[in-house]
C-alpha cells in the first residue's frame, strides 16, 4: 500500500493537472493498476492509529502525569521533575505500576 503523500500526489496529478493514468504511472514509476485505483477512487483510505491501552491510558494516571508535565514545561529546566520524581509521586498516590511504565508513557 502506498503512503498517504503518494496517494494525495496521484489524486493531485489526476484531478488538478489532468494527467492520464499512463502519464501518472510513468512519472511516479508505479504499477498502472495502482495509479488507476487511487486516481479514480472517490474515497481516500484513512490512516489507522493504534489504540492506546494500559493503566496509564485507561486509568487516571496518564492524565495526572500529563498535567504535571504541562506544569513543568513552564518552569526552568533545573526546576522540573525528573522521571524518577514523577514515579515516586505517583507511588505516594497509590500507583501500582512500574518505573518503566512511567518512562514509556513520558517518552511518547
N, C-alpha and C. Protein backbone atom coordinates (compact mmCIF):
# COMPACT_ATOMS: atom_id res chain seq x y z
N UNK A 1 0.84 -1.18 0.00
CA UNK A 1 0.00 0.00 0.00
C UNK A 1 0.89 1.24 0.00
N UNK A 2 0.43 2.26 -0.66
CA UNK A 2 1.18 3.50 -0.77
C UNK A 2 0.97 4.37 0.46
N UNK A 3 1.92 5.26 0.69
CA UNK A 3 1.79 6.23 1.77
C UNK A 3 0.76 7.29 1.37
N UNK A 4 0.23 7.97 2.36
CA UNK A 4 -0.80 8.97 2.10
C UNK A 4 -0.28 10.09 1.19
N UNK A 5 0.98 10.46 1.34
CA UNK A 5 1.52 11.52 0.49
C UNK A 5 1.53 11.11 -0.98
N UNK A 6 1.83 9.83 -1.24
CA UNK A 6 1.83 9.34 -2.62
C UNK A 6 0.42 9.28 -3.18
N UNK A 7 -0.53 8.87 -2.37
CA UNK A 7 -1.93 8.81 -2.80
C UNK A 7 -2.43 10.22 -3.13
N UNK A 8 -2.11 11.17 -2.25
CA UNK A 8 -2.52 12.55 -2.49
C UNK A 8 -1.85 13.11 -3.75
N UNK A 9 -0.62 12.71 -4.01
CA UNK A 9 0.09 13.15 -5.22
C UNK A 9 -0.61 12.60 -6.46
N UNK A 10 -1.00 11.34 -6.44
CA UNK A 10 -1.71 10.72 -7.57
C UNK A 10 -3.01 11.47 -7.82
N UNK A 11 -3.78 11.75 -6.76
CA UNK A 11 -5.04 12.45 -6.91
C UNK A 11 -4.82 13.87 -7.46
N UNK A 12 -3.77 14.54 -6.97
CA UNK A 12 -3.47 15.88 -7.45
C UNK A 12 -3.13 15.87 -8.93
N UNK A 13 -2.29 14.94 -9.35
CA UNK A 13 -1.90 14.86 -10.75
C UNK A 13 -3.10 14.57 -11.65
N UNK A 14 -4.00 13.72 -11.17
CA UNK A 14 -5.17 13.35 -11.97
C UNK A 14 -6.20 14.47 -12.02
N UNK A 15 -6.54 15.02 -10.85
CA UNK A 15 -7.64 15.99 -10.79
C UNK A 15 -7.21 17.41 -11.18
N UNK A 16 -6.06 17.85 -10.72
CA UNK A 16 -5.66 19.24 -10.94
C UNK A 16 -4.80 19.42 -12.19
N UNK A 17 -3.90 18.51 -12.44
CA UNK A 17 -3.02 18.61 -13.61
C UNK A 17 -3.62 17.97 -14.85
N UNK A 18 -4.60 17.08 -14.67
CA UNK A 18 -5.27 16.45 -15.80
C UNK A 18 -4.43 15.40 -16.52
N UNK A 19 -3.48 14.80 -15.80
CA UNK A 19 -2.66 13.76 -16.42
C UNK A 19 -3.44 12.47 -16.58
N UNK A 20 -3.08 11.68 -17.58
CA UNK A 20 -3.72 10.38 -17.77
C UNK A 20 -3.10 9.38 -16.80
N UNK A 21 -3.74 8.23 -16.69
CA UNK A 21 -3.23 7.17 -15.81
C UNK A 21 -1.83 6.74 -16.25
N UNK A 22 -1.62 6.60 -17.54
CA UNK A 22 -0.31 6.18 -18.05
C UNK A 22 0.77 7.20 -17.74
N UNK A 23 0.43 8.48 -17.85
CA UNK A 23 1.41 9.52 -17.53
C UNK A 23 1.76 9.52 -16.04
N UNK A 24 0.75 9.32 -15.21
CA UNK A 24 0.98 9.22 -13.76
C UNK A 24 1.86 8.02 -13.46
N UNK A 25 1.58 6.92 -14.10
CA UNK A 25 2.34 5.68 -13.88
C UNK A 25 3.80 5.87 -14.26
N UNK A 26 4.06 6.54 -15.37
CA UNK A 26 5.44 6.78 -15.80
C UNK A 26 6.15 7.79 -14.90
N UNK A 27 5.43 8.82 -14.50
CA UNK A 27 6.03 9.87 -13.68
C UNK A 27 6.44 9.34 -12.30
N UNK A 28 5.53 8.60 -11.66
CA UNK A 28 5.79 8.12 -10.30
C UNK A 28 6.43 6.74 -10.26
N UNK A 29 6.55 6.10 -11.43
CA UNK A 29 7.14 4.76 -11.53
C UNK A 29 6.43 3.76 -10.62
N UNK A 30 5.10 3.70 -10.80
CA UNK A 30 4.29 2.73 -10.07
C UNK A 30 3.51 1.90 -11.08
N UNK A 31 2.88 0.87 -10.58
CA UNK A 31 2.08 0.00 -11.41
C UNK A 31 0.87 0.76 -11.96
N UNK A 32 0.47 0.45 -13.20
CA UNK A 32 -0.65 1.13 -13.83
C UNK A 32 -1.94 0.92 -13.03
N UNK A 33 -2.16 -0.32 -12.56
CA UNK A 33 -3.38 -0.64 -11.80
C UNK A 33 -3.44 0.17 -10.50
N UNK A 34 -2.28 0.34 -9.86
CA UNK A 34 -2.23 1.13 -8.62
C UNK A 34 -2.58 2.59 -8.91
N UNK A 35 -2.03 3.14 -9.97
CA UNK A 35 -2.34 4.52 -10.35
C UNK A 35 -3.83 4.68 -10.64
N UNK A 36 -4.41 3.73 -11.37
CA UNK A 36 -5.85 3.78 -11.68
C UNK A 36 -6.69 3.70 -10.42
N UNK A 37 -6.30 2.79 -9.51
CA UNK A 37 -7.05 2.58 -8.28
C UNK A 37 -7.16 3.88 -7.48
N UNK A 38 -6.05 4.56 -7.27
CA UNK A 38 -6.06 5.74 -6.43
C UNK A 38 -6.47 7.01 -7.18
N UNK A 39 -6.28 7.07 -8.47
CA UNK A 39 -6.65 8.26 -9.23
C UNK A 39 -8.16 8.38 -9.38
N UNK A 40 -8.85 7.28 -9.61
CA UNK A 40 -10.28 7.32 -9.88
C UNK A 40 -11.15 6.97 -8.68
N UNK A 41 -10.54 6.62 -7.56
CA UNK A 41 -11.31 6.26 -6.37
C UNK A 41 -11.76 7.53 -5.67
N UNK A 42 -13.02 7.55 -5.21
CA UNK A 42 -13.55 8.73 -4.54
C UNK A 42 -13.03 8.88 -3.12
N UNK A 43 -12.94 7.78 -2.41
CA UNK A 43 -12.54 7.84 -1.00
C UNK A 43 -11.03 7.65 -0.87
N UNK A 44 -10.47 8.42 0.03
CA UNK A 44 -9.06 8.26 0.36
C UNK A 44 -8.99 7.37 1.59
N UNK A 45 -8.15 6.33 1.57
CA UNK A 45 -8.06 5.48 2.75
C UNK A 45 -7.54 6.25 3.96
N UNK A 46 -8.15 5.98 5.10
CA UNK A 46 -7.76 6.67 6.33
C UNK A 46 -6.62 5.94 7.00
N UNK A 47 -5.73 6.71 7.60
CA UNK A 47 -4.64 6.09 8.34
C UNK A 47 -5.19 5.60 9.66
N UNK A 48 -4.78 4.41 10.04
CA UNK A 48 -5.23 3.83 11.29
C UNK A 48 -4.20 4.12 12.36
N UNK A 49 -4.66 4.65 13.47
CA UNK A 49 -3.75 4.88 14.58
C UNK A 49 -4.01 3.79 15.62
N UNK A 50 -2.95 3.17 16.12
CA UNK A 50 -3.13 2.09 17.09
C UNK A 50 -3.78 2.62 18.36
N UNK A 51 -4.69 1.84 18.89
CA UNK A 51 -5.40 2.19 20.10
C UNK A 51 -4.47 2.08 21.29
N UNK A 52 -4.35 3.14 22.07
CA UNK A 52 -3.51 3.12 23.25
C UNK A 52 -4.23 2.35 24.35
N UNK A 53 -3.47 1.50 25.04
CA UNK A 53 -4.09 0.74 26.12
C UNK A 53 -3.09 0.59 27.25
N UNK A 54 -3.57 0.23 28.39
CA UNK A 54 -2.73 0.09 29.57
C UNK A 54 -3.22 0.99 30.68
N UNK A 55 -2.62 0.82 31.84
CA UNK A 55 -3.09 1.54 33.02
C UNK A 55 -2.87 3.05 32.91
N UNK A 56 -1.89 3.48 32.16
CA UNK A 56 -1.64 4.90 32.02
C UNK A 56 -2.72 5.58 31.17
N UNK A 57 -3.34 4.85 30.27
CA UNK A 57 -4.35 5.42 29.38
C UNK A 57 -5.76 5.16 29.88
N UNK A 58 -5.98 4.02 30.50
CA UNK A 58 -7.33 3.64 30.89
C UNK A 58 -7.70 4.16 32.28
N UNK A 59 -6.72 4.46 33.11
CA UNK A 59 -7.00 4.97 34.44
C UNK A 59 -6.57 6.43 34.52
N UNK A 60 -6.62 6.99 35.70
CA UNK A 60 -6.34 8.42 35.89
C UNK A 60 -4.87 8.78 35.81
N UNK A 61 -3.97 7.81 35.84
CA UNK A 61 -2.54 8.08 35.97
C UNK A 61 -1.97 8.87 34.80
N UNK A 62 -2.37 8.56 33.62
CA UNK A 62 -1.86 9.26 32.45
C UNK A 62 -2.24 10.74 32.45
N UNK A 63 -3.46 11.03 32.90
CA UNK A 63 -3.90 12.42 32.96
C UNK A 63 -3.10 13.19 34.00
N UNK A 64 -2.81 12.53 35.12
CA UNK A 64 -2.03 13.18 36.18
C UNK A 64 -0.63 13.50 35.67
N UNK A 65 0.02 12.53 35.05
CA UNK A 65 1.38 12.75 34.55
C UNK A 65 1.38 13.82 33.47
N UNK A 66 0.41 13.81 32.59
CA UNK A 66 0.33 14.83 31.53
C UNK A 66 0.18 16.23 32.13
N UNK A 67 -0.65 16.33 33.17
CA UNK A 67 -0.83 17.63 33.83
C UNK A 67 0.47 18.09 34.47
N UNK A 68 1.18 17.18 35.13
CA UNK A 68 2.46 17.53 35.75
C UNK A 68 3.47 17.97 34.71
N UNK A 69 3.53 17.26 33.60
CA UNK A 69 4.48 17.62 32.54
C UNK A 69 4.15 18.99 31.94
N UNK A 70 2.86 19.28 31.81
CA UNK A 70 2.45 20.58 31.28
C UNK A 70 2.84 21.69 32.25
N UNK A 71 2.62 21.46 33.56
CA UNK A 71 3.01 22.46 34.56
C UNK A 71 4.52 22.66 34.56
N UNK A 72 5.26 21.57 34.46
CA UNK A 72 6.72 21.65 34.50
C UNK A 72 7.29 22.31 33.25
N UNK A 73 6.57 22.26 32.15
CA UNK A 73 7.09 22.88 30.92
C UNK A 73 7.21 24.39 31.05
N UNK A 74 6.47 24.97 32.00
CA UNK A 74 6.52 26.41 32.22
C UNK A 74 7.66 26.82 33.15
N UNK A 75 8.25 25.84 33.83
CA UNK A 75 9.33 26.12 34.78
C UNK A 75 10.68 26.09 34.09
N UNK A 76 11.70 26.58 34.81
CA UNK A 76 13.06 26.46 34.32
C UNK A 76 13.44 24.99 34.26
N UNK A 77 14.40 24.67 33.42
CA UNK A 77 14.78 23.28 33.22
C UNK A 77 15.28 22.64 34.51
N UNK A 78 16.00 23.37 35.34
CA UNK A 78 16.53 22.83 36.59
C UNK A 78 15.43 22.55 37.61
N UNK A 79 14.31 23.24 37.49
CA UNK A 79 13.23 23.10 38.46
C UNK A 79 12.22 22.01 38.11
N UNK A 80 12.35 21.40 36.95
CA UNK A 80 11.36 20.41 36.51
C UNK A 80 11.54 19.08 37.22
N UNK A 81 10.45 18.30 37.26
CA UNK A 81 10.50 16.96 37.85
C UNK A 81 11.24 16.01 36.93
N UNK A 82 11.96 15.08 37.52
CA UNK A 82 12.58 14.02 36.74
C UNK A 82 11.60 12.86 36.63
N UNK A 83 11.92 11.90 35.79
CA UNK A 83 11.06 10.72 35.66
C UNK A 83 10.97 9.97 36.98
N UNK A 84 12.08 9.89 37.67
CA UNK A 84 12.11 9.20 38.96
C UNK A 84 11.23 9.90 39.98
N UNK A 85 11.28 11.24 40.01
CA UNK A 85 10.46 12.02 40.94
C UNK A 85 8.98 11.84 40.61
N UNK A 86 8.65 11.84 39.33
CA UNK A 86 7.26 11.63 38.92
C UNK A 86 6.80 10.26 39.38
N UNK A 87 7.65 9.23 39.19
CA UNK A 87 7.29 7.88 39.60
C UNK A 87 7.05 7.82 41.11
N UNK A 88 7.94 8.42 41.91
CA UNK A 88 7.78 8.38 43.37
C UNK A 88 6.53 9.14 43.82
N UNK A 89 6.22 10.25 43.17
CA UNK A 89 4.99 10.98 43.49
C UNK A 89 3.75 10.15 43.16
N UNK A 90 3.80 9.40 42.06
CA UNK A 90 2.67 8.53 41.70
C UNK A 90 2.50 7.40 42.71
N UNK A 91 3.60 6.83 43.16
CA UNK A 91 3.55 5.74 44.14
C UNK A 91 2.90 6.24 45.43
N UNK A 92 3.21 7.47 45.82
CA UNK A 92 2.58 8.06 47.01
C UNK A 92 1.07 8.20 46.84
N UNK A 93 0.63 8.36 45.61
CA UNK A 93 -0.81 8.47 45.34
C UNK A 93 -1.49 7.11 45.18
N UNK A 94 -0.70 6.01 45.19
CA UNK A 94 -1.28 4.67 45.08
C UNK A 94 -1.06 3.99 43.76
N UNK A 95 -0.14 4.46 42.96
CA UNK A 95 0.18 3.87 41.67
C UNK A 95 0.81 2.50 41.85
N UNK A 96 0.30 1.50 41.14
CA UNK A 96 0.80 0.13 41.28
C UNK A 96 1.68 -0.31 40.12
N UNK A 97 1.92 0.56 39.17
CA UNK A 97 2.73 0.23 38.01
C UNK A 97 4.22 0.33 38.30
N UNK A 98 5.00 0.11 37.27
CA UNK A 98 6.46 0.13 37.42
C UNK A 98 7.03 1.46 36.93
N UNK A 99 8.28 1.65 37.24
CA UNK A 99 9.01 2.84 36.78
C UNK A 99 9.08 2.84 35.26
N UNK A 100 9.27 1.67 34.68
CA UNK A 100 9.38 1.53 33.23
C UNK A 100 8.10 1.99 32.53
N UNK A 101 6.94 1.68 33.13
CA UNK A 101 5.65 2.10 32.56
C UNK A 101 5.58 3.62 32.49
N UNK A 102 6.02 4.28 33.55
CA UNK A 102 6.02 5.74 33.57
C UNK A 102 6.97 6.29 32.51
N UNK A 103 8.16 5.69 32.39
CA UNK A 103 9.13 6.15 31.40
C UNK A 103 8.59 6.01 29.98
N UNK A 104 7.95 4.88 29.68
CA UNK A 104 7.37 4.70 28.34
C UNK A 104 6.31 5.74 28.05
N UNK A 105 5.46 6.03 29.05
CA UNK A 105 4.40 7.00 28.86
C UNK A 105 4.98 8.39 28.60
N UNK A 106 5.99 8.77 29.37
CA UNK A 106 6.59 10.10 29.24
C UNK A 106 7.29 10.24 27.89
N UNK A 107 7.95 9.19 27.45
CA UNK A 107 8.69 9.26 26.19
C UNK A 107 7.77 9.40 24.97
N UNK A 108 6.52 8.98 25.08
CA UNK A 108 5.58 9.11 23.98
C UNK A 108 5.11 10.53 23.91
